[in-house]
């Protein structure tokens, strides 16, 4: 007896349809029940990284005097730039952990990160995209080392777009004062 190809084909299609249906149900369930928790992971990671940078500045010496900052940040003194960067890097981690004014602090840290990329992490000299691409690394061989700040920038952009999530002061304040 030869197998019926139509029966096998129908069985496979039915199995595929059921799998897709189950996948859609699971996806909806995860989105409804866990989707608002995802930003906490980004908030905690970014809070740690920026707090570490702020504490290094707090306990270290000002090395901003040797840098050239992009306009309009070049209008500030090295001391003012140092104190502003340190203050933001010490205050924003607390806000990120709490989920307080997350979008504001995400934008503020994005500006700080873009300035850091332009002043410190971008390759000083490059002629081709291949040379520029060498700076997308975490290394002490030069070339700029803009990989980590770029990753922070993308994580901050994600927080800006999504907000703080369910485990946050922002969410609690939104529900308390801006009920539908």
N, C-alpha and C. Protein backbone atom coordinates (compact mmCIF):
# COMPACT_ATOMS: atom_id res chain seq x y z
N UNK A 1 0.85 -1.18 0.00
CA UNK A 1 0.00 0.00 0.00
C UNK A 1 0.89 1.24 0.00
N UNK A 2 0.63 2.11 -0.91
CA UNK A 2 1.42 3.34 -1.01
C UNK A 2 0.75 4.43 -0.17
N UNK A 3 1.59 5.27 0.46
CA UNK A 3 1.01 6.34 1.27
C UNK A 3 0.31 7.37 0.40
N UNK A 4 -0.75 7.90 0.91
CA UNK A 4 -1.51 8.92 0.20
C UNK A 4 -0.84 10.28 0.42
N UNK A 5 -0.29 10.85 -0.63
CA UNK A 5 0.44 12.12 -0.53
C UNK A 5 -0.49 13.24 -0.08
N UNK A 6 -1.70 13.23 -0.56
CA UNK A 6 -2.65 14.28 -0.16
C UNK A 6 -2.94 14.23 1.34
N UNK A 7 -3.05 13.03 1.90
CA UNK A 7 -3.32 12.89 3.33
C UNK A 7 -2.13 13.41 4.14
N UNK A 8 -0.91 13.06 3.74
CA UNK A 8 0.28 13.53 4.43
C UNK A 8 0.39 15.05 4.34
N UNK A 9 0.10 15.59 3.16
CA UNK A 9 0.17 17.03 2.96
C UNK A 9 -0.86 17.76 3.82
N UNK A 10 -2.06 17.21 3.89
CA UNK A 10 -3.12 17.80 4.71
C UNK A 10 -2.74 17.75 6.18
N UNK A 11 -2.17 16.62 6.61
CA UNK A 11 -1.74 16.47 8.00
C UNK A 11 -0.67 17.52 8.35
N UNK A 12 0.30 17.70 7.46
CA UNK A 12 1.37 18.69 7.69
C UNK A 12 0.81 20.10 7.76
N UNK A 13 -0.11 20.42 6.88
CA UNK A 13 -0.71 21.76 6.88
C UNK A 13 -1.50 22.00 8.17
N UNK A 14 -2.23 20.97 8.60
CA UNK A 14 -3.01 21.08 9.83
C UNK A 14 -2.08 21.28 11.02
N UNK A 15 -0.99 20.52 11.07
CA UNK A 15 -0.01 20.63 12.16
C UNK A 15 0.64 22.01 12.15
N UNK A 16 0.98 22.50 10.97
CA UNK A 16 1.58 23.83 10.84
C UNK A 16 0.60 24.92 11.29
N UNK A 17 -0.66 24.81 10.93
CA UNK A 17 -1.68 25.77 11.34
C UNK A 17 -1.84 25.77 12.85
N UNK A 18 -1.87 24.59 13.46
CA UNK A 18 -2.01 24.50 14.92
C UNK A 18 -0.78 25.08 15.62
N UNK A 19 0.39 24.84 15.07
CA UNK A 19 1.62 25.37 15.66
C UNK A 19 1.63 26.90 15.59
N UNK A 20 1.24 27.45 14.46
CA UNK A 20 1.16 28.91 14.31
C UNK A 20 0.15 29.50 15.28
N UNK A 21 -0.99 28.83 15.41
CA UNK A 21 -2.02 29.30 16.32
C UNK A 21 -1.53 29.29 17.77
N UNK A 22 -0.87 28.21 18.16
CA UNK A 22 -0.35 28.11 19.52
C UNK A 22 0.74 29.16 19.74
N UNK A 23 1.57 29.38 18.76
CA UNK A 23 2.62 30.39 18.84
C UNK A 23 2.03 31.79 19.02
N UNK A 24 0.97 32.09 18.29
CA UNK A 24 0.31 33.39 18.41
C UNK A 24 -0.30 33.56 19.80
N UNK A 25 -0.91 32.52 20.32
CA UNK A 25 -1.51 32.58 21.66
C UNK A 25 -0.43 32.81 22.70
N UNK A 26 0.68 32.07 22.62
CA UNK A 26 1.79 32.25 23.57
C UNK A 26 2.39 33.64 23.46
N UNK A 27 2.56 34.12 22.25
CA UNK A 27 3.11 35.46 22.04
C UNK A 27 2.22 36.53 22.66
N UNK A 28 0.90 36.41 22.45
CA UNK A 28 -0.05 37.36 23.06
C UNK A 28 0.00 37.30 24.58
N UNK A 29 0.08 36.07 25.13
CA UNK A 29 0.12 35.92 26.58
C UNK A 29 1.37 36.58 27.15
N UNK A 30 2.55 36.32 26.53
CA UNK A 30 3.79 36.92 27.03
C UNK A 30 3.75 38.44 26.92
N UNK A 31 3.21 38.95 25.83
CA UNK A 31 3.12 40.40 25.66
C UNK A 31 2.22 41.01 26.73
N UNK A 32 1.08 40.40 26.99
CA UNK A 32 0.14 40.93 27.99
C UNK A 32 0.65 40.80 29.41
N UNK A 33 1.39 39.76 29.71
CA UNK A 33 1.76 39.48 31.10
C UNK A 33 3.20 39.83 31.46
N UNK A 34 4.07 39.97 30.49
CA UNK A 34 5.47 40.25 30.82
C UNK A 34 6.07 41.42 30.05
N UNK A 35 5.38 41.91 29.03
CA UNK A 35 5.95 42.95 28.16
C UNK A 35 6.36 44.21 28.89
N UNK A 36 5.64 44.61 29.90
CA UNK A 36 5.95 45.83 30.62
C UNK A 36 7.11 45.72 31.59
N UNK A 37 7.61 44.49 31.77
CA UNK A 37 8.75 44.31 32.68
C UNK A 37 10.09 44.42 31.96
N UNK A 38 10.10 44.30 30.67
CA UNK A 38 11.35 44.28 29.91
C UNK A 38 12.24 45.49 30.13
N UNK A 39 11.71 46.72 30.19
CA UNK A 39 12.60 47.87 30.35
C UNK A 39 13.41 47.89 31.65
N UNK A 40 12.99 47.15 32.67
CA UNK A 40 13.75 47.15 33.93
C UNK A 40 15.17 46.64 33.72
N UNK A 41 15.35 45.70 32.81
CA UNK A 41 16.68 45.14 32.57
C UNK A 41 17.60 46.19 31.94
N UNK A 42 17.07 46.92 30.97
CA UNK A 42 17.86 48.01 30.37
C UNK A 42 18.14 49.10 31.40
N UNK A 43 17.13 49.45 32.18
CA UNK A 43 17.31 50.50 33.18
C UNK A 43 18.41 50.14 34.17
N UNK A 44 18.40 48.89 34.66
CA UNK A 44 19.40 48.48 35.64
C UNK A 44 20.81 48.43 35.05
N UNK A 45 20.94 47.91 33.85
CA UNK A 45 22.25 47.85 33.21
C UNK A 45 22.80 49.26 32.96
N UNK A 46 21.97 50.12 32.39
CA UNK A 46 22.43 51.48 32.10
C UNK A 46 22.71 52.26 33.38
N UNK A 47 21.91 52.05 34.41
CA UNK A 47 22.15 52.72 35.69
C UNK A 47 23.51 52.32 36.24
N UNK A 48 23.83 51.05 36.18
CA UNK A 48 25.13 50.58 36.68
C UNK A 48 26.27 51.23 35.90
N UNK A 49 26.18 51.19 34.57
CA UNK A 49 27.26 51.70 33.73
C UNK A 49 27.48 53.20 33.92
N UNK A 50 26.40 53.98 33.95
CA UNK A 50 26.57 55.43 34.10
C UNK A 50 26.96 55.80 35.53
N UNK A 51 26.50 55.05 36.53
CA UNK A 51 26.92 55.31 37.91
C UNK A 51 28.42 55.04 38.05
N UNK A 52 28.88 53.99 37.42
CA UNK A 52 30.31 53.67 37.47
C UNK A 52 31.14 54.81 36.86
N UNK A 53 30.68 55.34 35.72
CA UNK A 53 31.39 56.46 35.08
C UNK A 53 31.33 57.71 35.96
N UNK A 54 30.18 57.96 36.57
CA UNK A 54 30.04 59.13 37.44
C UNK A 54 30.93 59.03 38.67
N UNK A 55 31.01 57.86 39.26
CA UNK A 55 31.87 57.68 40.44
C UNK A 55 33.35 57.80 40.07
N UNK A 56 33.73 57.34 38.89
CA UNK A 56 35.11 57.52 38.44
C UNK A 56 35.44 59.00 38.30
N UNK A 57 34.50 59.78 37.78
CA UNK A 57 34.72 61.22 37.67
C UNK A 57 34.76 61.87 39.06
N UNK A 58 33.88 61.43 39.92
CA UNK A 58 33.82 62.00 41.27
C UNK A 58 35.12 61.77 42.04
N UNK A 59 35.71 60.60 41.89
CA UNK A 59 36.93 60.27 42.61
C UNK A 59 38.20 60.56 41.80
N UNK A 60 38.04 60.98 40.56
CA UNK A 60 39.21 61.20 39.70
C UNK A 60 39.49 62.67 39.47
N UNK A 61 40.43 62.90 38.59
CA UNK A 61 40.81 64.27 38.21
C UNK A 61 40.20 64.61 36.87
N UNK A 62 39.94 65.88 36.69
CA UNK A 62 39.32 66.38 35.46
C UNK A 62 40.30 66.24 34.30
N UNK A 63 39.96 65.41 33.35
CA UNK A 63 40.78 65.26 32.15
C UNK A 63 40.10 65.85 30.92
N UNK A 64 39.03 66.63 31.12
CA UNK A 64 38.31 67.23 30.00
C UNK A 64 39.07 68.39 29.35
N UNK A 65 40.06 68.96 30.03
CA UNK A 65 40.76 70.14 29.51
C UNK A 65 41.46 69.85 28.18
N UNK A 66 41.85 68.61 27.95
CA UNK A 66 42.57 68.25 26.73
C UNK A 66 41.66 67.85 25.58
N UNK A 67 40.36 67.92 25.79
CA UNK A 67 39.41 67.49 24.76
C UNK A 67 38.83 68.68 24.02
N UNK A 68 38.41 68.44 22.79
CA UNK A 68 37.66 69.46 22.06
C UNK A 68 36.23 68.94 21.89
N UNK A 69 35.30 69.65 22.48
CA UNK A 69 33.89 69.25 22.46
C UNK A 69 33.19 69.90 21.28
N UNK A 70 32.14 69.25 20.77
CA UNK A 70 31.36 69.85 19.68
C UNK A 70 30.54 71.03 20.19
N UNK A 71 30.17 71.92 19.27
CA UNK A 71 29.32 73.06 19.61
C UNK A 71 27.96 72.54 20.06
N UNK A 72 27.34 73.09 21.03
CA UNK A 72 27.63 74.26 21.87
C UNK A 72 28.38 73.90 23.15
N UNK A 73 28.78 72.64 23.30
CA UNK A 73 29.44 72.21 24.53
C UNK A 73 30.85 72.77 24.64
N UNK A 74 31.42 73.19 23.50
CA UNK A 74 32.74 73.80 23.54
C UNK A 74 32.71 75.20 24.15
N UNK A 75 31.53 75.76 24.36
CA UNK A 75 31.41 77.08 24.98
C UNK A 75 31.56 77.02 26.50
N UNK A 76 31.42 75.82 27.07
CA UNK A 76 31.56 75.65 28.50
C UNK A 76 33.01 75.38 28.87
N UNK A 77 33.38 75.76 30.06
CA UNK A 77 34.73 75.47 30.53
C UNK A 77 34.86 73.97 30.79
N UNK A 78 36.09 73.50 30.84
CA UNK A 78 36.33 72.09 31.12
C UNK A 78 35.78 71.72 32.49
N UNK A 79 35.90 72.62 33.44
CA UNK A 79 35.39 72.36 34.80
C UNK A 79 33.87 72.24 34.80
N UNK A 80 33.19 73.14 34.09
CA UNK A 80 31.73 73.09 34.01
C UNK A 80 31.27 71.82 33.31
N UNK A 81 31.93 71.45 32.21
CA UNK A 81 31.59 70.22 31.48
C UNK A 81 31.79 69.00 32.36
N UNK A 82 32.90 68.97 33.09
CA UNK A 82 33.21 67.85 33.99
C UNK A 82 32.12 67.71 35.04
N UNK A 83 31.77 68.82 35.68
CA UNK A 83 30.76 68.79 36.75
C UNK A 83 29.38 68.43 36.22
N UNK A 84 29.02 68.92 35.05
CA UNK A 84 27.72 68.58 34.47
C UNK A 84 27.65 67.10 34.11
N UNK A 85 28.70 66.58 33.48
CA UNK A 85 28.73 65.16 33.11
C UNK A 85 28.70 64.30 34.36
N UNK A 86 29.50 64.67 35.37
CA UNK A 86 29.53 63.89 36.61
C UNK A 86 28.17 63.93 37.30
N UNK A 87 27.58 65.10 37.37
CA UNK A 87 26.28 65.22 38.02
C UNK A 87 25.22 64.39 37.33
N UNK A 88 25.19 64.44 36.01
CA UNK A 88 24.21 63.64 35.26
C UNK A 88 24.48 62.15 35.44
N UNK A 89 25.75 61.76 35.44
CA UNK A 89 26.09 60.35 35.58
C UNK A 89 25.86 59.83 37.00
N UNK A 90 25.73 60.72 37.97
CA UNK A 90 25.42 60.30 39.34
C UNK A 90 23.93 60.36 39.64
N UNK A 91 23.22 61.31 39.04
CA UNK A 91 21.79 61.47 39.29
C UNK A 91 20.94 60.53 38.43
N UNK A 92 21.29 60.39 37.18
CA UNK A 92 20.46 59.59 36.27
C UNK A 92 20.38 58.11 36.67
N UNK A 93 21.42 57.48 37.20
CA UNK A 93 21.26 56.09 37.62
C UNK A 93 20.19 55.91 38.69
N UNK A 94 20.10 56.84 39.62
CA UNK A 94 19.05 56.75 40.63
C UNK A 94 17.68 56.83 39.99
N UNK A 95 17.53 57.77 39.05
CA UNK A 95 16.25 57.93 38.36
C UNK A 95 15.93 56.70 37.52
N UNK A 96 16.94 56.12 36.85
CA UNK A 96 16.70 54.93 36.03
C UNK A 96 16.30 53.74 36.88
N UNK A 97 16.95 53.55 38.02
CA UNK A 97 16.59 52.42 38.89
C UNK A 97 15.16 52.57 39.36
N UNK A 98 14.77 53.79 39.72
CA UNK A 98 13.40 54.03 40.19
C UNK A 98 12.40 54.05 39.03
N UNK A 99 12.88 54.31 37.84
CA UNK A 99 11.96 54.49 36.72
C UNK A 99 11.27 55.83 36.82
N UNK A 100 12.00 56.85 37.21
CA UNK A 100 11.46 58.20 37.39
C UNK A 100 11.96 59.11 36.28
N UNK A 101 11.06 59.71 35.55
CA UNK A 101 11.40 60.60 34.43
C UNK A 101 12.35 59.88 33.45
N UNK A 102 12.02 58.65 33.15
CA UNK A 102 12.88 57.79 32.36
C UNK A 102 13.14 58.36 30.97
N UNK A 103 12.13 58.88 30.33
CA UNK A 103 12.33 59.43 28.99
C UNK A 103 13.22 60.67 29.03
N UNK A 104 13.03 61.54 30.02
CA UNK A 104 13.88 62.73 30.16
C UNK A 104 15.34 62.32 30.36
N UNK A 105 15.59 61.41 31.30
CA UNK A 105 16.97 61.01 31.57
C UNK A 105 17.56 60.21 30.42
N UNK A 106 16.73 59.48 29.68
CA UNK A 106 17.23 58.78 28.49
C UNK A 106 17.73 59.77 27.46
N UNK A 107 16.97 60.84 27.22
CA UNK A 107 17.40 61.86 26.26
C UNK A 107 18.66 62.57 26.77
N UNK A 108 18.68 62.92 28.05
CA UNK A 108 19.85 63.60 28.61
C UNK A 108 21.10 62.74 28.47
N UNK A 109 20.97 61.45 28.76
CA UNK A 109 22.11 60.54 28.63
C UNK A 109 22.46 60.28 27.17
N UNK A 110 21.48 60.34 26.28
CA UNK A 110 21.77 60.21 24.85
C UNK A 110 22.62 61.39 24.38
N UNK A 111 22.27 62.59 24.82
CA UNK A 111 23.06 63.77 24.46
C UNK A 111 24.48 63.62 25.01
N UNK A 112 24.59 63.23 26.27
CA UNK A 112 25.90 63.03 26.90
C UNK A 112 26.71 61.99 26.12
N UNK A 113 26.08 60.92 25.70
CA UNK A 113 26.76 59.85 24.97
C UNK A 113 27.20 60.31 23.59
N UNK A 114 26.36 61.07 22.89
CA UNK A 114 26.74 61.59 21.57
C UNK A 114 27.94 62.53 21.71
N UNK A 115 27.93 63.37 22.73
CA UNK A 115 29.06 64.27 22.97
C UNK A 115 30.31 63.45 23.29
N UNK A 116 30.18 62.41 24.09
CA UNK A 116 31.32 61.55 24.42
C UNK A 116 31.86 60.85 23.18
N UNK A 117 30.97 60.39 22.32
CA UNK A 117 31.42 59.75 21.08
C UNK A 117 32.19 60.75 20.23
N UNK A 118 31.64 61.96 20.09
CA UNK A 118 32.28 62.98 19.26
C UNK A 118 33.62 63.44 19.84
N UNK A 119 33.69 63.59 21.16
CA UNK A 119 34.90 64.14 21.78
C UNK A 119 35.97 63.10 22.09
N UNK A 120 35.57 61.88 22.39
CA UNK A 120 36.53 60.89 22.89
C UNK A 120 36.59 59.63 22.03
N UNK A 121 35.46 59.09 21.64
CA UNK A 121 35.42 57.74 21.08
C UNK A 121 35.48 57.67 19.56
N UNK A 122 35.22 58.76 18.87
CA UNK A 122 35.23 58.73 17.41
C UNK A 122 36.67 58.74 16.92
N UNK A 123 36.99 57.99 15.88
CA UNK A 123 38.37 58.00 15.37
C UNK A 123 38.80 59.41 14.94
N UNK A 124 40.00 59.78 15.32
CA UNK A 124 40.50 61.12 15.00
C UNK A 124 40.71 61.29 13.50
N UNK A 125 41.26 60.27 12.86
CA UNK A 125 41.56 60.34 11.42
C UNK A 125 41.07 59.07 10.74
N UNK A 126 40.26 59.25 9.74
CA UNK A 126 39.82 58.12 8.94
C UNK A 126 39.49 58.62 7.55
N UNK A 127 39.80 57.81 6.56
CA UNK A 127 39.60 58.18 5.16
C UNK A 127 38.52 57.33 4.50
N UNK A 128 38.38 56.10 4.95
CA UNK A 128 37.43 55.19 4.32
C UNK A 128 36.49 54.62 5.39
N UNK A 129 35.39 54.05 4.93
CA UNK A 129 34.46 53.41 5.86
C UNK A 129 35.13 52.22 6.56
N UNK A 130 36.04 51.56 5.89
CA UNK A 130 36.76 50.45 6.51
C UNK A 130 37.60 50.95 7.70
N UNK A 131 38.22 52.10 7.55
CA UNK A 131 38.98 52.69 8.66
C UNK A 131 38.05 53.13 9.79
N UNK A 132 36.92 53.71 9.43
CA UNK A 132 35.94 54.11 10.44
C UNK A 132 35.42 52.88 11.18
N UNK A 133 35.19 51.79 10.46
CA UNK A 133 34.65 50.57 11.05
C UNK A 133 35.61 49.98 12.08
N UNK A 134 36.89 50.27 11.97
CA UNK A 134 37.86 49.78 12.95
C UNK A 134 37.58 50.37 14.33
N UNK A 135 36.92 51.51 14.40
CA UNK A 135 36.56 52.12 15.69
C UNK A 135 35.40 51.44 16.37
N UNK A 136 34.68 50.61 15.63
CA UNK A 136 33.57 49.86 16.24
C UNK A 136 34.17 48.64 16.93
N UNK A 137 34.81 48.91 18.06
CA UNK A 137 35.52 47.87 18.81
C UNK A 137 35.66 48.31 20.25
N UNK A 138 36.00 47.36 21.10
CA UNK A 138 36.36 47.67 22.48
C UNK A 138 37.80 47.22 22.61
N UNK A 139 38.72 48.17 22.45
CA UNK A 139 40.14 47.86 22.41
C UNK A 139 40.94 49.08 22.81
N UNK A 140 42.19 48.90 23.12
CA UNK A 140 43.05 50.03 23.43
C UNK A 140 44.04 50.29 22.29
N UNK A 141 43.73 49.81 21.10
CA UNK A 141 44.61 49.98 19.95
C UNK A 141 44.32 51.26 19.16
N UNK A 142 43.49 52.13 19.71
CA UNK A 142 43.14 53.34 18.99
C UNK A 142 41.89 53.17 18.16
N UNK A 143 41.83 53.82 17.06
CA UNK A 143 40.73 53.77 16.10
C UNK A 143 39.43 54.37 16.64
N UNK A 144 39.37 54.79 17.87
CA UNK A 144 38.18 55.45 18.37
C UNK A 144 37.42 54.72 19.46
N UNK A 145 37.19 53.45 19.32
CA UNK A 145 36.47 52.69 20.35
C UNK A 145 35.06 53.21 20.64
N UNK A 146 34.22 53.32 19.65
CA UNK A 146 32.87 53.84 19.86
C UNK A 146 31.81 52.76 19.98
N UNK A 147 32.20 51.49 20.05
CA UNK A 147 31.22 50.41 20.09
C UNK A 147 30.35 50.47 21.35
N UNK A 148 30.96 50.55 22.51
CA UNK A 148 30.20 50.55 23.76
C UNK A 148 29.29 51.78 23.88
N UNK A 149 29.78 52.99 23.60
CA UNK A 149 28.86 54.14 23.66
C UNK A 149 27.72 54.03 22.66
N UNK A 150 27.98 53.46 21.50
CA UNK A 150 26.91 53.28 20.52
C UNK A 150 25.86 52.30 21.03
N UNK A 151 26.30 51.23 21.69
CA UNK A 151 25.35 50.28 22.28
C UNK A 151 24.52 50.97 23.37
N UNK A 152 25.17 51.78 24.21
CA UNK A 152 24.43 52.54 25.23
C UNK A 152 23.41 53.46 24.58
N UNK A 153 23.81 54.10 23.50
CA UNK A 153 22.92 55.02 22.80
C UNK A 153 21.68 54.29 22.29
N UNK A 154 21.85 53.11 21.75
CA UNK A 154 20.72 52.34 21.24
C UNK A 154 19.83 51.84 22.38
N UNK A 155 20.44 51.45 23.51
CA UNK A 155 19.64 51.03 24.67
C UNK A 155 18.84 52.21 25.23
N UNK A 156 19.47 53.38 25.28
CA UNK A 156 18.76 54.58 25.77
C UNK A 156 17.62 54.95 24.81
N UNK A 157 17.86 54.80 23.51
CA UNK A 157 16.80 55.09 22.53
C UNK A 157 15.62 54.13 22.74
N UNK A 158 15.92 52.88 23.05
CA UNK A 158 14.86 51.91 23.32
C UNK A 158 14.06 52.32 24.56
N UNK A 159 14.73 52.76 25.61
CA UNK A 159 14.03 53.22 26.81
C UNK A 159 13.20 54.47 26.50
N UNK A 160 13.75 55.36 25.69
CA UNK A 160 13.01 56.56 25.34
C UNK A 160 11.72 56.19 24.61
N UNK A 161 11.79 55.24 23.70
CA UNK A 161 10.61 54.84 22.93
C UNK A 161 9.61 54.04 23.76
N UNK A 162 10.09 53.14 24.62
CA UNK A 162 9.19 52.26 25.35
C UNK A 162 8.73 52.83 26.67
N UNK A 163 9.51 53.72 27.26
CA UNK A 163 9.21 54.20 28.61
C UNK A 163 9.80 53.25 29.64
N UNK A 164 9.49 53.49 30.89
CA UNK A 164 10.11 52.77 32.00
C UNK A 164 9.54 51.38 32.24
N UNK A 165 8.37 51.11 31.74
CA UNK A 165 7.75 49.81 31.98
C UNK A 165 6.91 49.80 33.24
N UNK A 166 6.41 48.62 33.60
CA UNK A 166 5.47 48.48 34.71
C UNK A 166 6.10 48.65 36.08
N UNK A 167 7.36 48.25 36.23
CA UNK A 167 8.04 48.36 37.52
C UNK A 167 8.75 49.72 37.61
N UNK A 168 7.96 50.78 37.73
CA UNK A 168 8.56 52.12 37.72
C UNK A 168 7.66 53.13 38.40
N UNK A 169 8.28 54.18 38.85
CA UNK A 169 7.54 55.31 39.41
C UNK A 169 6.73 55.98 38.29
N UNK A 170 7.30 56.06 37.10
CA UNK A 170 6.59 56.65 35.96
C UNK A 170 5.25 55.95 35.73
N UNK A 171 5.25 54.63 35.74
CA UNK A 171 4.02 53.87 35.52
C UNK A 171 3.02 54.14 36.65
N UNK A 172 3.49 54.13 37.89
CA UNK A 172 2.62 54.38 39.04
C UNK A 172 2.03 55.79 38.97
N UNK A 173 2.86 56.79 38.67
CA UNK A 173 2.35 58.16 38.57
C UNK A 173 1.36 58.31 37.42
N UNK A 174 1.65 57.65 36.31
CA UNK A 174 0.74 57.70 35.16
C UNK A 174 -0.62 57.12 35.49
N UNK A 175 -0.65 56.02 36.21
CA UNK A 175 -1.94 55.41 36.58
C UNK A 175 -2.66 56.25 37.62
N UNK A 176 -1.92 56.89 38.52
CA UNK A 176 -2.53 57.67 39.59
C UNK A 176 -3.10 58.99 39.07
N UNK A 177 -2.36 59.67 38.21
CA UNK A 177 -2.77 61.03 37.80
C UNK A 177 -3.36 61.13 36.41
N UNK A 178 -3.15 60.14 35.58
CA UNK A 178 -3.63 60.21 34.21
C UNK A 178 -4.50 59.02 33.87
N UNK A 179 -5.49 58.77 34.71
CA UNK A 179 -6.42 57.65 34.45
C UNK A 179 -7.21 57.92 33.20
N UNK A 180 -7.51 56.87 32.47
CA UNK A 180 -8.27 57.00 31.21
C UNK A 180 -9.67 57.47 31.45
